Protein backbone atom coordinates (compact mmCIF):
# COMPACT_ATOMS: atom_id res chain seq x y z
CA MET A 1 -8.35 27.22 -7.57
CA ASN A 2 -9.15 23.85 -9.30
CA GLU A 3 -7.26 21.16 -7.63
CA ASP A 4 -6.40 19.29 -11.09
CA SER A 5 -4.97 22.62 -12.28
CA ILE A 6 -2.16 22.80 -9.77
CA ALA A 7 1.39 22.44 -11.12
CA TYR A 8 2.93 20.50 -8.29
CA ASP A 9 6.80 20.48 -8.38
CA GLU A 10 9.08 17.37 -8.70
CA TRP A 11 8.73 16.56 -5.03
CA GLY A 12 4.89 16.92 -4.81
CA ARG A 13 4.67 20.21 -3.40
CA ASN A 14 2.39 23.04 -4.50
CA PRO A 15 4.70 26.08 -5.30
CA ASP A 16 1.53 28.61 -4.53
CA ALA A 17 0.92 26.66 -1.33
CA PRO A 18 0.33 29.12 2.04
CA LEU A 19 3.27 30.35 3.72
CA SER A 20 1.68 28.26 6.79
CA ALA A 21 2.11 24.97 4.82
CA TRP A 22 5.77 25.77 3.96
CA LEU A 23 6.67 26.79 7.50
CA GLY A 24 4.92 23.75 9.15
CA GLY A 25 6.87 21.48 6.70
CA LEU A 26 10.25 23.28 7.50
CA ILE A 27 9.52 23.09 11.41
CA ILE A 28 8.37 19.43 11.49
CA ALA A 29 11.10 18.12 9.20
CA GLY A 30 13.67 19.97 11.37
CA TYR A 31 12.06 18.49 14.51
CA LEU A 32 12.36 14.89 13.03
CA LYS A 33 15.88 15.35 12.03
CA ALA A 34 16.71 16.50 15.58
CA VAL A 35 14.95 13.33 16.95
CA TYR A 36 16.88 11.08 14.82
CA ALA A 37 19.88 12.69 15.60
CA THR A 38 19.56 12.14 19.15
CA SER A 39 17.58 8.84 19.25
CA SER A 40 19.05 5.33 19.34
CA ILE A 41 17.69 3.28 16.07
CA ILE A 42 17.30 -0.35 16.84
CA VAL A 43 17.09 -2.88 13.75
CA PRO A 44 16.51 -6.25 15.51
CA LYS A 45 18.38 -9.25 13.77
CA THR A 46 15.12 -10.69 13.10
CA GLU A 47 14.91 -13.31 10.01
CA SER A 48 12.74 -10.62 8.04
CA ASN A 49 15.16 -7.77 8.77
CA GLU A 50 17.85 -9.73 7.67
CA LYS A 51 16.23 -10.74 4.60
CA MET A 52 15.41 -7.27 3.52
CA SER A 53 18.94 -6.08 4.38
CA ARG A 54 20.03 -8.46 1.52
CA LYS A 55 17.07 -7.28 -0.72
CA ARG A 56 18.13 -3.55 -0.29
CA ASP A 57 18.48 -2.94 -4.01
CA GLU A 58 15.04 -4.45 -5.01
CA LYS A 59 12.06 -2.38 -4.94
CA PHE A 60 9.14 -2.80 -2.73
CA ILE A 61 5.99 -1.18 -1.61
CA TRP A 62 6.44 -0.19 2.01
CA ALA A 63 3.32 -0.44 4.14
CA LEU A 64 3.11 0.98 7.34
CA TRP A 65 0.25 2.23 9.56
CA HIS A 66 -1.01 5.98 9.20
CA ARG A 67 -0.15 6.55 12.72
CA HIS A 68 3.75 5.87 12.31
CA LEU A 69 4.16 8.43 9.79
CA GLY A 70 6.23 10.40 12.34
CA LEU A 71 8.65 7.33 12.69
CA PRO A 72 10.05 6.80 9.17
CA CYS A 73 13.55 5.90 10.52
CA PHE A 74 13.76 3.16 7.83
CA PHE A 75 14.37 5.95 5.39
CA ASN A 76 17.78 6.03 7.06
CA THR A 77 18.31 2.43 6.90
CA TYR A 78 17.41 1.65 3.00
CA HIS A 79 19.21 4.11 1.19
CA SER A 80 17.38 4.32 -1.95
CA HIS A 81 15.01 7.03 -3.68
CA ARG A 82 11.31 6.98 -2.45
CA THR A 83 7.69 8.16 -3.40
CA CYS A 84 4.78 8.17 -1.40
CA MET A 85 1.08 9.22 -1.85
CA ALA A 86 -0.15 12.31 -0.19
CA SER A 87 -3.63 13.77 -0.59
CA ARG A 88 -4.43 17.18 -2.10
CA SER A 89 -5.73 18.56 1.15
CA GLN A 90 -3.87 20.83 3.37
CA ASP A 91 -2.53 18.15 5.62
CA GLY A 92 -1.38 16.60 2.43
CA GLU A 93 0.62 19.63 1.22
CA ILE A 94 2.09 19.93 4.87
CA LEU A 95 3.34 16.27 4.68
CA ALA A 96 4.62 16.86 1.11
CA GLN A 97 6.75 19.88 2.40
CA VAL A 98 7.92 17.40 5.45
CA MET A 99 8.69 14.40 2.94
CA ALA A 100 10.76 16.70 0.57
CA ARG A 101 13.08 17.68 3.28
CA LEU A 102 13.54 14.01 4.14
CA ASP A 103 14.55 13.49 0.43
CA THR A 104 11.22 11.69 -0.11
CA HIS A 105 9.22 12.62 -3.19
CA CYS A 106 5.29 12.88 -3.20
CA VAL A 107 2.54 11.96 -5.54
CA ARG A 108 -0.60 13.96 -4.70
CA GLY A 109 -3.95 12.12 -4.51
CA SER A 110 -5.64 9.72 -2.49
CA SER A 111 -5.50 6.01 -2.84
CA SER A 112 -9.06 5.71 -1.87
CA VAL A 113 -9.59 5.88 -5.70
CA LEU A 114 -8.40 2.43 -5.66
CA ASP A 115 -11.45 1.54 -3.41
CA GLY A 116 -13.75 3.02 -5.70
CA ARG A 117 -13.79 6.81 -4.31
CA ASP A 118 -12.20 9.31 -6.50
CA LYS A 119 -10.18 12.43 -4.90
CA GLY A 120 -8.12 13.24 -7.55
CA GLY A 121 -6.48 9.61 -7.32
CA VAL A 122 -6.57 8.56 -10.74
CA ALA A 123 -3.96 10.63 -11.92
CA ALA A 124 -1.72 9.94 -8.56
CA VAL A 125 -2.20 6.15 -9.29
CA ARG A 126 -1.25 6.43 -12.63
CA GLN A 127 1.86 8.35 -11.62
CA MET A 128 2.90 5.81 -9.05
CA VAL A 129 2.63 3.22 -11.66
CA ARG A 130 4.76 5.12 -13.78
CA VAL A 131 7.40 5.60 -11.07
CA ALA A 132 7.24 1.94 -10.69
CA LYS A 133 7.96 1.34 -14.26
CA GLN A 134 11.06 3.20 -13.93
CA GLY A 135 12.33 1.18 -11.46
CA LYS A 136 14.24 3.67 -9.50
CA HIS A 137 11.98 4.51 -6.39
CA GLN A 138 10.74 2.44 -3.58
CA LEU A 139 6.83 3.18 -2.94
CA VAL A 140 5.56 3.93 0.34
CA ILE A 141 1.80 3.96 1.38
CA THR A 142 -0.24 3.90 4.51
CA PRO A 143 -2.81 1.13 4.05
CA ASP A 144 -5.13 2.39 6.53
CA GLY A 145 -4.99 5.94 5.38
CA PRO A 146 -5.98 8.60 4.72
CA LYS A 147 -9.12 8.57 6.85
CA GLY A 148 -9.05 4.95 8.45
CA PRO A 149 -10.38 2.99 10.05
CA PRO A 150 -7.09 2.96 11.76
CA GLN A 151 -4.93 -0.24 11.66
CA LYS A 152 -7.50 -1.76 8.98
CA VAL A 153 -5.57 -2.67 5.52
CA LYS A 154 -8.03 -1.45 2.81
CA MET A 155 -7.82 -2.72 -0.77
CA GLY A 156 -5.93 0.28 -2.19
CA VAL A 157 -2.25 -1.31 -1.43
CA ILE A 158 -3.38 -4.36 -2.91
CA THR A 159 -4.42 -3.01 -6.01
CA LEU A 160 -1.34 -0.87 -6.42
CA ALA A 161 0.86 -4.17 -5.93
CA SER A 162 -1.20 -5.91 -8.52
CA LEU A 163 -0.60 -3.01 -11.19
CA THR A 164 3.17 -2.39 -10.21
CA GLY A 165 4.19 -5.85 -9.49
CA TYR A 166 6.16 -4.75 -6.50
CA PRO A 167 5.88 -6.93 -3.61
CA ILE A 168 4.33 -5.29 -0.25
CA CYS A 169 6.71 -5.17 2.74
CA PRO A 170 4.75 -4.51 5.98
CA VAL A 171 7.19 -2.16 8.21
CA ALA A 172 6.46 -1.52 11.74
CA PHE A 173 7.77 1.03 14.42
CA ALA A 174 7.86 1.56 18.23
CA ALA A 175 9.15 4.30 20.21
CA SER A 176 10.35 4.41 23.78
CA ARG A 177 9.48 8.09 24.22
CA PHE A 178 6.66 9.79 22.12
CA PHE A 179 3.41 11.94 22.44
CA THR A 180 0.40 10.92 20.93
CA ILE A 181 -1.50 13.39 18.48
CA PRO A 182 -5.10 13.54 19.06
CA THR A 183 -6.09 12.53 15.53
CA TRP A 184 -8.31 9.95 14.30
CA ASP A 185 -5.65 7.26 14.24
CA LYS A 186 -3.67 8.63 17.39
CA THR A 187 -0.60 9.65 15.46
CA ILE A 188 2.52 9.07 17.42
CA LEU A 189 5.32 11.86 17.41
CA PRO A 190 8.60 10.66 18.76
CA LEU A 191 10.52 12.67 21.42
CA PRO A 192 14.34 13.28 21.43
CA PHE A 193 16.86 11.18 23.14
CA GLY A 194 14.92 7.81 23.17
CA ARG A 195 14.99 4.46 21.25
CA ILE A 196 13.17 3.89 17.96
CA ALA A 197 12.90 0.17 16.87
CA PHE A 198 12.04 -0.83 13.28
CA CYS A 199 10.91 -4.06 12.00
CA CYS A 200 9.96 -5.57 8.47
CA GLY A 201 7.21 -8.22 7.97
CA GLU A 202 7.61 -10.95 5.45
CA PRO A 203 6.87 -9.20 1.91
CA LEU A 204 3.97 -10.53 -0.13
CA GLU A 205 3.55 -10.56 -3.91
CA VAL A 206 0.16 -9.96 -5.62
CA PRO A 207 -0.67 -11.22 -8.98
CA ARG A 208 -1.91 -9.04 -11.61
CA THR A 209 -5.80 -10.30 -11.45
CA ARG A 210 -9.27 -8.87 -10.98
CA ASP A 211 -10.32 -11.92 -9.08
CA LYS A 212 -11.79 -10.41 -6.02
CA GLY A 213 -11.44 -13.24 -3.88
CA VAL A 214 -7.79 -13.55 -4.73
CA LEU A 215 -7.24 -10.05 -3.82
CA GLU A 216 -9.31 -10.07 -0.78
CA ALA A 217 -7.15 -12.77 0.72
CA LYS A 218 -4.10 -10.78 -0.02
CA ARG A 219 -5.30 -7.92 1.74
CA THR A 220 -6.28 -9.95 4.90
CA GLU A 221 -2.75 -11.64 4.72
CA VAL A 222 -0.79 -8.22 4.46
CA GLU A 223 -3.05 -6.84 7.51
CA ARG A 224 -1.85 -10.19 9.29
CA ARG A 225 1.65 -9.65 8.60
CA LEU A 226 1.66 -5.94 9.47
CA ILE A 227 -0.08 -6.54 13.03
CA HIS A 228 2.59 -9.33 13.62
CA ALA A 229 5.42 -6.90 12.58
CA ASN A 230 4.06 -4.41 14.97
CA GLU A 231 3.69 -7.04 17.89
CA GLU A 232 7.33 -8.11 16.99
CA VAL A 233 8.80 -4.48 17.07
CA GLN A 234 7.20 -3.72 20.24
CA HIS A 235 8.72 -6.79 21.86
CA HIS A 236 12.20 -5.92 20.74
CA LEU A 237 11.85 -2.59 22.00
CA LYS A 238 10.85 -3.59 25.32
CA ASN A 239 14.04 -6.23 25.26
CA ALA A 240 16.31 -3.32 24.46
CA ALA A 241 14.94 -1.29 27.31
CA GLY A 242 15.91 -4.32 29.73
CA LYS A 243 19.38 -4.54 28.73
């Protein structure tokens, strides 16, 4: 089947996806809900977290490392409609199935189109921009996805911020109990009865420009802030363990 002919539902799921994708999404989402129900969620009273708490009605592009896709505890912290981007691959279908059960919409396509490689992404980017213009949803993106290199911000999130006008908010996670999936980015899957910490970085606005120098400077700064937020959240998780 031509991927461009797939009629995804409102959650970004393929109605004709194989049973394995539907079942996989059901199992993973159920597992994550069980983890959240049995875990202590830690939101440190950092300056950035306090600022974002006061801005919970504003809209942002939430940027998190791809390896933290299994730790979206901030979905329960910031109550709002959300839209993320998932590839049109089989893995992307499972992600869409999971996210729908976590009350998150998916736009199907790869943000690699924003870096000059089109994998069904042109329509997806346009749809993300339309979602932003409606002003009802937060946008969620993994700036080092879908294939890496890991923990390296690519230009896609910067271009999306420039097109939508949404500030980019780096968001970091840490779990006290987890196992690592042997994927390209060593994806973390939390275990029940642990602690999951969450820290925001300082949001960054991106002007509507094609100036490559300006955009590259923004990309570098988002990467720096995301790395800093991840260092900060690890520090707070360790402090919580010592109490």
